[in-house]
């Protein structure tokens, strides 16, 4: 094995007991987005002990951070991204307790070699990926613009190459009508729930004229108080998604038009807001993705075990991928085909099997970062691909 990679592997292995303890702690103390005080504190303390300079509260976000170690030698800037928010009620059912400790482990391994290779290692602590993803703020503020690559690995039930994600808008439609007794004087009411129902009917019709990569899905989050009261207030929340930001914008425009038509038809007033951040599509950098896959194979993973990339919904890493080359591969941490965001995955992701896989994922991230630091030809290909496929026609992902 390459001496530098051997040093990385040994270093991460030496940190494995601490990494597993931190993962177990964060897994047992789930915190919602922008409330991840315990997780952020544990991660930043460990990074400081590794010799990283840590900025806490990045962009005024209390649980965000950027940790950096800059070698005295010039070289690429490699970003490793950490997520650590949990899901409401079911905790770490998306494995973010493993994502952040993979990033921490990779940072430990790279710290052992970066003075020799040259370059800069940054760990970005990015809260609230599930809702108001901090990567959106960081990308819009230009905090990734000088990075040569941004990497993270996601837990899953099989290995999977970095692929694509859907751009997404989160829409909240509030209809304001007029209450009245539904039996005694219904003619004096304006039914806000009728407007919501009209909206759903229009969206259902709209779906017939959208491409296969587009998604529109919604819920009624408030529909009235009692059957004998005409609702004066009703709320529907929708996500619109598509393979590109450009088509997502068009789809959002059309769904908003459906809401406006529903308001007009029922006589309601309409308030429309974006109640979560908009995410852009992930544009995987295939050059660095191939390097990650090669490291998996060289470390003993059979090529047939590494699946072709699938779309897994929407990621705030998409916004980052429009600012610098980025990858988001999946690491097998459970042996059963449990889906993300389920109790079964949550429980399996807190077993020793998952923690061992976390250490392996950290090693693969660090190996791939080392490739960037030591192979100028790879760094050139990564940058040229980004300039050709993203930077030249980049969508404006600013807030």
Protein backbone atom coordinates (compact mmCIF):
# COMPACT_ATOMS: atom_id res chain seq x y z
CA UNK A 1 0.00 0.00 0.00
CA UNK A 2 1.01 3.59 -0.63
CA UNK A 3 2.97 4.70 2.50
CA UNK A 4 0.81 7.79 2.99
CA UNK A 5 -2.40 5.77 2.78
CA UNK A 6 -0.98 3.21 5.14
CA UNK A 7 -0.28 6.01 7.60
CA UNK A 8 -3.82 7.31 7.16
CA UNK A 9 -5.30 3.86 7.75
CA UNK A 10 -3.22 3.28 10.88
CA UNK A 11 -4.04 6.72 12.26
CA UNK A 12 -7.78 6.29 11.79
CA UNK A 13 -7.61 2.80 13.26
CA UNK A 14 -5.89 4.28 16.31
CA UNK A 15 -8.73 6.78 16.69
CA UNK A 16 -11.44 4.16 16.09
CA UNK A 17 -12.42 3.62 19.75
CA UNK A 18 -12.91 7.36 20.26
CA UNK A 19 -14.76 7.74 16.96
CA UNK A 20 -17.15 4.92 17.88
CA UNK A 21 -17.73 6.43 21.31
CA UNK A 22 -18.55 9.82 19.76
CA UNK A 23 -20.88 8.25 17.19
CA UNK A 24 -22.68 6.33 19.92
CA UNK A 25 -23.00 9.48 22.03
CA UNK A 26 -24.45 11.56 19.20
CA UNK A 27 -26.70 8.67 18.16
CA UNK A 28 -28.05 8.41 21.71
CA UNK A 29 -28.61 12.19 21.99
CA UNK A 30 -30.49 13.18 18.81
CA UNK A 31 -30.89 16.90 18.22
CA UNK A 32 -32.99 18.65 15.59
CA UNK A 33 -31.58 21.03 13.02
CA UNK A 34 -29.88 24.14 14.42
CA UNK A 35 -30.24 22.66 17.92
CA UNK A 36 -27.27 20.27 17.65
CA UNK A 37 -25.35 21.76 20.57
CA UNK A 38 -24.02 18.51 22.00
CA UNK A 39 -22.91 17.15 18.64
CA UNK A 40 -21.28 20.39 17.55
CA UNK A 41 -19.43 20.70 20.86
CA UNK A 42 -18.07 17.14 20.75
CA UNK A 43 -16.90 17.46 17.15
CA UNK A 44 -15.22 20.84 17.55
CA UNK A 45 -13.46 19.78 20.75
CA UNK A 46 -12.02 16.74 19.02
CA UNK A 47 -10.95 18.72 15.97
CA UNK A 48 -9.12 21.22 18.16
CA UNK A 49 -7.32 18.36 19.87
CA UNK A 50 -6.22 17.18 16.42
CA UNK A 51 -4.64 20.57 15.79
CA UNK A 52 -7.36 22.16 13.67
CA UNK A 53 -8.19 25.83 14.05
CA UNK A 54 -11.94 25.96 14.69
CA UNK A 55 -14.36 28.77 13.92
CA UNK A 56 -17.62 28.23 15.79
CA UNK A 57 -20.96 29.83 14.96
CA UNK A 58 -20.15 30.28 11.27
CA UNK A 59 -22.46 32.82 9.60
CA UNK A 60 -24.20 33.37 12.92
CA UNK A 61 -25.49 29.78 12.98
CA UNK A 62 -24.85 28.65 16.53
CA UNK A 63 -24.13 24.97 15.76
CA UNK A 64 -22.22 25.49 12.51
CA UNK A 65 -18.44 25.49 12.36
CA UNK A 66 -15.42 25.39 10.07
CA UNK A 67 -12.26 23.62 11.22
CA UNK A 68 -9.10 24.10 9.18
CA UNK A 69 -5.57 22.77 9.13
CA UNK A 70 -3.32 24.52 6.62
CA UNK A 71 -0.02 22.91 5.73
CA UNK A 72 3.06 25.06 5.29
CA UNK A 73 3.29 23.60 1.76
CA UNK A 74 0.93 24.75 -0.99
CA UNK A 75 -1.66 22.36 -2.33
CA UNK A 76 -5.36 21.76 -2.90
CA UNK A 77 -8.07 22.76 -0.44
CA UNK A 78 -10.09 19.66 0.48
CA UNK A 79 -13.42 20.05 2.27
CA UNK A 80 -14.92 17.23 4.33
CA UNK A 81 -18.56 17.84 5.26
CA UNK A 82 -20.21 16.82 8.52
CA UNK A 83 -23.95 16.53 9.15
CA UNK A 84 -25.32 15.83 12.62
CA UNK A 85 -29.01 16.78 12.81
CA UNK A 86 -31.62 14.18 13.67
CA UNK A 87 -35.19 13.61 12.54
CA UNK A 88 -38.24 14.53 14.64
CA UNK A 89 -39.47 11.67 16.84
CA UNK A 90 -37.29 8.91 15.32
CA UNK A 91 -33.85 10.40 15.95
CA UNK A 92 -30.82 9.45 13.85
CA UNK A 93 -32.73 7.40 11.29
CA UNK A 94 -30.70 8.96 8.48
CA UNK A 95 -27.36 8.07 10.02
CA UNK A 96 -26.05 11.58 10.50
CA UNK A 97 -24.29 10.47 13.67
CA UNK A 98 -22.15 8.33 11.35
CA UNK A 99 -21.70 11.04 8.71
CA UNK A 100 -20.16 13.47 11.16
CA UNK A 101 -17.85 10.89 12.72
CA UNK A 102 -16.73 9.74 9.26
CA UNK A 103 -15.75 13.36 8.64
CA UNK A 104 -13.97 13.51 11.99
CA UNK A 105 -12.11 10.27 11.30
CA UNK A 106 -11.06 11.46 7.85
CA UNK A 107 -9.81 14.69 9.42
CA UNK A 108 -7.70 12.67 11.87
CA UNK A 109 -6.19 10.56 9.11
CA UNK A 110 -5.42 13.51 6.88
CA UNK A 111 -3.87 15.48 9.72
CA UNK A 112 -1.25 12.76 9.93
CA UNK A 113 -0.06 13.29 6.33
CA UNK A 114 -0.98 16.80 5.20
CA UNK A 115 2.26 18.40 6.39
CA UNK A 116 4.02 16.03 4.01
CA UNK A 117 1.59 16.29 1.09
CA UNK A 118 0.87 20.00 1.34
CA UNK A 119 -2.54 21.58 1.03
CA UNK A 120 -5.38 22.48 3.36
CA UNK A 121 -7.98 20.30 5.07
CA UNK A 122 -11.29 21.83 6.16
CA UNK A 123 -14.12 20.21 8.02
CA UNK A 124 -17.41 22.04 7.58
CA UNK A 125 -19.96 21.48 10.32
CA UNK A 126 -23.28 21.88 8.49
CA UNK A 127 -26.42 21.83 10.65
CA UNK A 128 -30.01 21.12 9.68
CA UNK A 129 -29.58 19.17 6.46
CA UNK A 130 -33.10 17.80 6.86
CA UNK A 131 -34.80 21.21 6.81
CA UNK A 132 -32.95 24.57 6.67
CA UNK A 133 -29.63 23.18 5.49
CA UNK A 134 -26.67 25.33 6.48
CA UNK A 135 -24.83 24.32 3.30
CA UNK A 136 -27.22 26.60 1.45
CA UNK A 137 -26.13 29.60 3.53
CA UNK A 138 -22.48 28.61 3.30
CA UNK A 139 -22.61 28.14 -0.46
CA UNK A 140 -24.40 31.45 -1.00
CA UNK A 141 -21.79 33.19 1.15
CA UNK A 142 -18.99 31.81 -1.02
CA UNK A 143 -17.46 29.67 1.71
CA UNK A 144 -16.79 26.80 -0.72
CA UNK A 145 -15.57 28.88 -3.65
CA UNK A 146 -11.87 28.27 -2.95
CA UNK A 147 -12.28 24.53 -2.35
CA UNK A 148 -10.83 22.13 -4.88
CA UNK A 149 -13.24 19.40 -3.79
CA UNK A 150 -16.00 18.87 -1.19
CA UNK A 151 -16.71 15.33 0.00
CA UNK A 152 -18.98 13.44 2.32
CA UNK A 153 -20.20 9.85 2.57
CA UNK A 154 -23.71 8.79 3.52
CA UNK A 155 -24.68 5.59 5.38
CA UNK A 156 -26.91 3.16 3.49
CA UNK A 157 -27.68 -0.54 3.04
CA UNK A 158 -25.28 -0.93 0.11
CA UNK A 159 -22.33 0.79 -1.51
CA UNK A 160 -23.34 3.28 -4.14
CA UNK A 161 -21.50 5.70 -6.36
CA UNK A 162 -22.15 9.40 -6.00
CA UNK A 163 -25.02 10.32 -8.30
CA UNK A 164 -27.62 13.03 -8.59
CA UNK A 165 -30.29 14.58 -6.43
CA UNK A 166 -33.39 16.58 -7.21
CA UNK A 167 -33.59 20.32 -6.89
CA UNK A 168 -36.38 21.24 -4.49
CA UNK A 169 -38.61 24.10 -3.35
CA UNK A 170 -40.69 23.96 -0.17
CA UNK A 171 -43.95 25.87 -0.50
CA UNK A 172 -46.49 26.86 2.11
CA UNK A 173 -49.92 28.04 0.93
CA UNK A 174 -52.17 29.76 3.49
CA UNK A 175 -55.75 30.43 2.44
CA UNK A 176 -57.76 32.99 4.38
CA UNK A 177 -61.55 32.87 4.13
CA UNK A 178 -64.47 33.78 6.36
CA UNK A 179 -65.99 31.63 9.09
CA UNK A 180 -69.73 30.94 9.26
CA UNK A 181 -72.06 28.31 10.68
CA UNK A 182 -72.08 25.53 8.11
CA UNK A 183 -75.79 24.77 8.67
CA UNK A 184 -77.38 28.05 9.80
CA UNK A 185 -75.77 30.55 7.43
CA UNK A 186 -73.30 28.90 5.03
CA UNK A 187 -73.91 31.62 2.45
CA UNK A 188 -72.05 34.05 4.67
CA UNK A 189 -68.83 31.99 4.71
CA UNK A 190 -65.78 31.74 2.50
CA UNK A 191 -64.38 28.24 2.73
CA UNK A 192 -60.58 28.15 2.97
CA UNK A 193 -60.57 24.34 2.97
CA UNK A 194 -62.36 24.35 -0.37
CA UNK A 195 -59.44 26.36 -1.73
CA UNK A 196 -56.97 23.77 -0.49
CA UNK A 197 -59.01 20.97 -2.07
CA UNK A 198 -59.13 22.89 -5.35
CA UNK A 199 -55.35 23.28 -5.15
CA UNK A 200 -54.85 19.53 -4.73
CA UNK A 201 -57.19 18.79 -7.65
CA UNK A 202 -55.30 21.22 -9.88
CA UNK A 203 -51.91 19.82 -8.87
CA UNK A 204 -53.16 16.28 -9.55
CA UNK A 205 -54.12 17.38 -13.05
CA UNK A 206 -50.82 19.18 -13.50
CA UNK A 207 -48.88 15.99 -12.83
CA UNK A 208 -50.12 14.58 -16.15
CA UNK A 209 -48.13 17.25 -18.00
CA UNK A 210 -44.82 16.98 -16.14
CA UNK A 211 -41.75 14.91 -17.07
CA UNK A 212 -40.90 11.71 -15.23
CA UNK A 213 -38.13 13.35 -13.21
CA UNK A 214 -40.52 15.90 -11.68
CA UNK A 215 -42.23 15.43 -8.32
CA UNK A 216 -45.00 17.35 -6.57
CA UNK A 217 -46.23 16.12 -3.20
CA UNK A 218 -48.11 17.85 -0.45
CA UNK A 219 -50.13 17.65 2.75
CA UNK A 220 -52.94 19.60 4.40
CA UNK A 221 -51.41 20.81 7.64
CA UNK A 222 -54.49 22.75 8.78
CA UNK A 223 -57.99 22.20 7.51
CA UNK A 224 -60.43 23.70 10.01
CA UNK A 225 -61.70 23.34 13.56
CA UNK A 226 -65.06 21.55 13.40
CA UNK A 227 -67.39 20.18 10.70
CA UNK A 228 -70.11 22.71 11.49
CA UNK A 229 -67.79 25.71 11.05
CA UNK A 230 -66.82 26.82 7.57
CA UNK A 231 -63.01 27.02 7.81
CA UNK A 232 -61.68 30.55 7.60
CA UNK A 233 -58.08 29.34 7.50
CA UNK A 234 -56.47 26.35 5.81
CA UNK A 235 -52.88 25.49 5.00
CA UNK A 236 -51.24 23.21 2.45
CA UNK A 237 -47.52 22.46 2.25
CA UNK A 238 -45.91 21.17 -0.93
CA UNK A 239 -42.50 20.14 -2.17
CA UNK A 240 -41.75 20.61 -5.84
CA UNK A 241 -38.74 18.72 -7.18
CA UNK A 242 -37.07 18.11 -10.51
CA UNK A 243 -33.74 17.05 -11.99
CA UNK A 244 -32.64 20.64 -12.59
CA UNK A 245 -33.08 23.95 -10.83
CA UNK A 246 -34.40 25.47 -14.08
CA UNK A 247 -37.30 23.02 -14.34
CA UNK A 248 -37.97 23.15 -10.60
CA UNK A 249 -38.42 26.90 -10.92
CA UNK A 250 -40.91 26.34 -13.73
CA UNK A 251 -42.75 23.65 -11.79
CA UNK A 252 -42.94 25.89 -8.73
CA UNK A 253 -44.35 28.69 -10.87
CA UNK A 254 -47.09 26.40 -12.15
CA UNK A 255 -47.99 25.09 -8.67
CA UNK A 256 -48.19 28.65 -7.40
CA UNK A 257 -50.54 29.43 -10.29
CA UNK A 258 -52.73 26.51 -9.18
CA UNK A 259 -52.90 28.04 -5.70
CA UNK A 260 -53.74 31.46 -7.06
CA UNK A 261 -56.52 29.97 -9.19
CA UNK A 262 -57.91 28.11 -6.16
CA UNK A 263 -57.98 31.34 -4.18
CA UNK A 264 -59.72 33.17 -7.02
CA UNK A 265 -62.29 30.41 -7.47
CA UNK A 266 -63.25 30.32 -3.79
CA UNK A 267 -62.91 33.99 -2.93
CA UNK A 268 -60.07 33.42 -0.47
CA UNK A 269 -56.99 35.47 0.12
CA UNK A 270 -53.70 33.63 -0.42
CA UNK A 271 -50.33 33.94 1.29
CA UNK A 272 -47.44 31.98 -0.27
CA UNK A 273 -44.08 31.47 1.43
CA UNK A 274 -41.04 29.19 1.19
CA UNK A 275 -41.02 27.58 4.63
CA UNK A 276 -37.78 25.64 4.09
CA UNK A 277 -34.69 26.36 2.03
CA UNK A 278 -34.59 25.62 -1.67
CA UNK A 279 -32.03 22.99 -2.64
CA UNK A 280 -30.28 22.77 -5.99
CA UNK A 281 -29.55 19.51 -7.78
CA UNK A 282 -26.36 17.62 -6.94
CA UNK A 283 -23.91 17.57 -9.82
CA UNK A 284 -21.44 14.84 -9.01
CA UNK A 285 -17.87 15.36 -10.15
CA UNK A 286 -17.21 12.07 -11.93
CA UNK A 287 -13.42 12.36 -11.74
CA UNK A 288 -13.31 12.43 -7.96
CA UNK A 289 -16.19 9.94 -7.77
CA UNK A 290 -14.12 7.49 -9.79
CA UNK A 291 -11.21 7.99 -7.40
CA UNK A 292 -13.44 7.18 -4.43
CA UNK A 293 -14.76 4.05 -6.15
CA UNK A 294 -11.21 2.96 -6.97
CA UNK A 295 -10.28 3.25 -3.30
CA UNK A 296 -13.25 1.06 -2.37
CA UNK A 297 -12.15 -1.62 -4.82
CA UNK A 298 -8.50 -1.43 -3.76
CA UNK A 299 -9.66 -1.86 -0.15
CA UNK A 300 -11.45 -5.11 -0.93
CA UNK A 301 -14.97 -4.14 -2.02
CA UNK A 302 -15.93 -6.16 -5.10
CA UNK A 303 -16.94 -4.00 -8.08
CA UNK A 304 -20.31 -5.78 -8.32
CA UNK A 305 -21.08 -4.67 -4.76
CA UNK A 306 -20.87 -0.99 -5.76
CA UNK A 307 -24.21 0.04 -7.18
CA UNK A 308 -24.92 2.58 -9.86
CA UNK A 309 -26.05 5.88 -8.43
CA UNK A 310 -29.74 6.46 -7.76
CA UNK A 311 -31.65 9.64 -6.96
CA UNK A 312 -32.33 9.74 -3.22
CA UNK A 313 -34.41 12.91 -3.04
CA UNK A 314 -32.92 16.33 -2.35
CA UNK A 315 -29.71 17.42 -0.65
CA UNK A 316 -28.30 20.77 0.41
CA UNK A 317 -24.99 19.46 -0.94
CA UNK A 318 -26.50 20.26 -4.33
CA UNK A 319 -25.93 23.95 -3.64
CA UNK A 320 -22.31 23.20 -2.76
CA UNK A 321 -21.81 21.24 -5.98
CA UNK A 322 -22.55 24.39 -7.99
CA UNK A 323 -19.69 26.15 -6.18
CA UNK A 324 -16.95 23.52 -6.21
CA UNK A 325 -16.45 19.90 -7.30
CA UNK A 326 -18.41 17.62 -4.97
CA UNK A 327 -19.26 13.97 -4.33
CA UNK A 328 -21.76 12.15 -2.11
CA UNK A 329 -21.20 8.35 -2.26
CA UNK A 330 -23.00 5.85 -0.04
CA UNK A 331 -21.33 3.42 2.36
CA UNK A 332 -22.91 0.15 3.46
CA UNK A 333 -23.38 0.24 7.22
CA UNK A 334 -26.23 -2.29 7.64
CA UNK A 335 -26.67 -5.74 6.16
CA UNK A 336 -30.44 -5.65 5.69
CA UNK A 337 -32.18 -3.46 3.07
CA UNK A 338 -33.55 -1.03 5.63
CA UNK A 339 -34.65 2.28 4.15
CA UNK A 340 -33.39 5.59 5.43
CA UNK A 341 -35.73 7.51 7.76
CA UNK A 342 -37.06 4.34 9.38
CA UNK A 343 -36.83 3.00 12.92
CA UNK A 344 -35.22 -0.16 11.56
CA UNK A 345 -32.38 1.77 9.94
CA UNK A 346 -31.94 3.93 13.03
CA UNK A 347 -31.52 0.93 15.29
CA UNK A 348 -29.20 -0.95 12.94
CA UNK A 349 -27.07 2.17 12.45
CA UNK A 350 -26.25 2.16 16.17
CA UNK A 351 -24.76 -1.34 16.26
CA UNK A 352 -21.08 -2.31 16.18
CA UNK A 353 -21.43 -3.33 12.52
CA UNK A 354 -22.37 0.24 11.61
CA UNK A 355 -19.59 1.76 13.70
CA UNK A 356 -17.01 -0.46 12.00
CA UNK A 357 -18.39 0.67 8.64
CA UNK A 358 -18.13 4.28 9.79
CA UNK A 359 -14.40 3.81 10.39
CA UNK A 360 -14.07 2.26 6.93
CA UNK A 361 -15.98 5.17 5.36
CA UNK A 362 -13.71 7.66 7.12
CA UNK A 363 -10.71 5.85 5.68
CA UNK A 364 -12.13 5.92 2.15
CA UNK A 365 -12.81 9.66 2.41
CA UNK A 366 -9.28 10.28 3.64
CA UNK A 367 -7.76 8.06 0.91
CA UNK A 368 -9.64 10.01 -1.77
CA UNK A 369 -8.62 13.34 -0.25
CA UNK A 370 -5.03 12.10 -0.23
CA UNK A 371 -5.37 11.33 -3.95
CA UNK A 372 -6.34 14.96 -4.52
CA UNK A 373 -3.41 16.19 -2.44
CA UNK A 374 -0.80 14.02 -4.12
CA UNK A 375 -1.95 13.60 -7.74
CA UNK A 376 -1.81 16.87 -9.71
CA UNK A 377 -3.27 15.12 -12.76
CA UNK A 378 -6.36 14.08 -10.80
CA UNK A 379 -6.74 17.59 -9.38
CA UNK A 380 -6.51 18.98 -12.91
CA UNK A 381 -9.18 16.60 -14.23
CA UNK A 382 -11.48 17.40 -11.32
CA UNK A 383 -11.18 21.13 -11.94
CA UNK A 384 -11.54 20.85 -15.73
CA UNK A 385 -14.69 18.76 -15.38
CA UNK A 386 -16.17 21.28 -12.96
CA UNK A 387 -15.37 24.21 -15.24
CA UNK A 388 -16.81 22.39 -18.24
CA UNK A 389 -20.01 21.02 -16.70
CA UNK A 390 -20.90 23.43 -13.90
CA UNK A 391 -19.02 26.71 -13.64
CA UNK A 392 -19.54 27.71 -17.25
CA UNK A 393 -23.34 27.64 -16.96
CA UNK A 394 -23.83 27.72 -13.21
CA UNK A 395 -27.32 28.34 -11.90
CA UNK A 396 -27.54 31.15 -9.37
CA UNK A 397 -27.92 29.31 -6.09
CA UNK A 398 -27.77 32.36 -3.86
CA UNK A 399 -30.61 32.86 -1.40
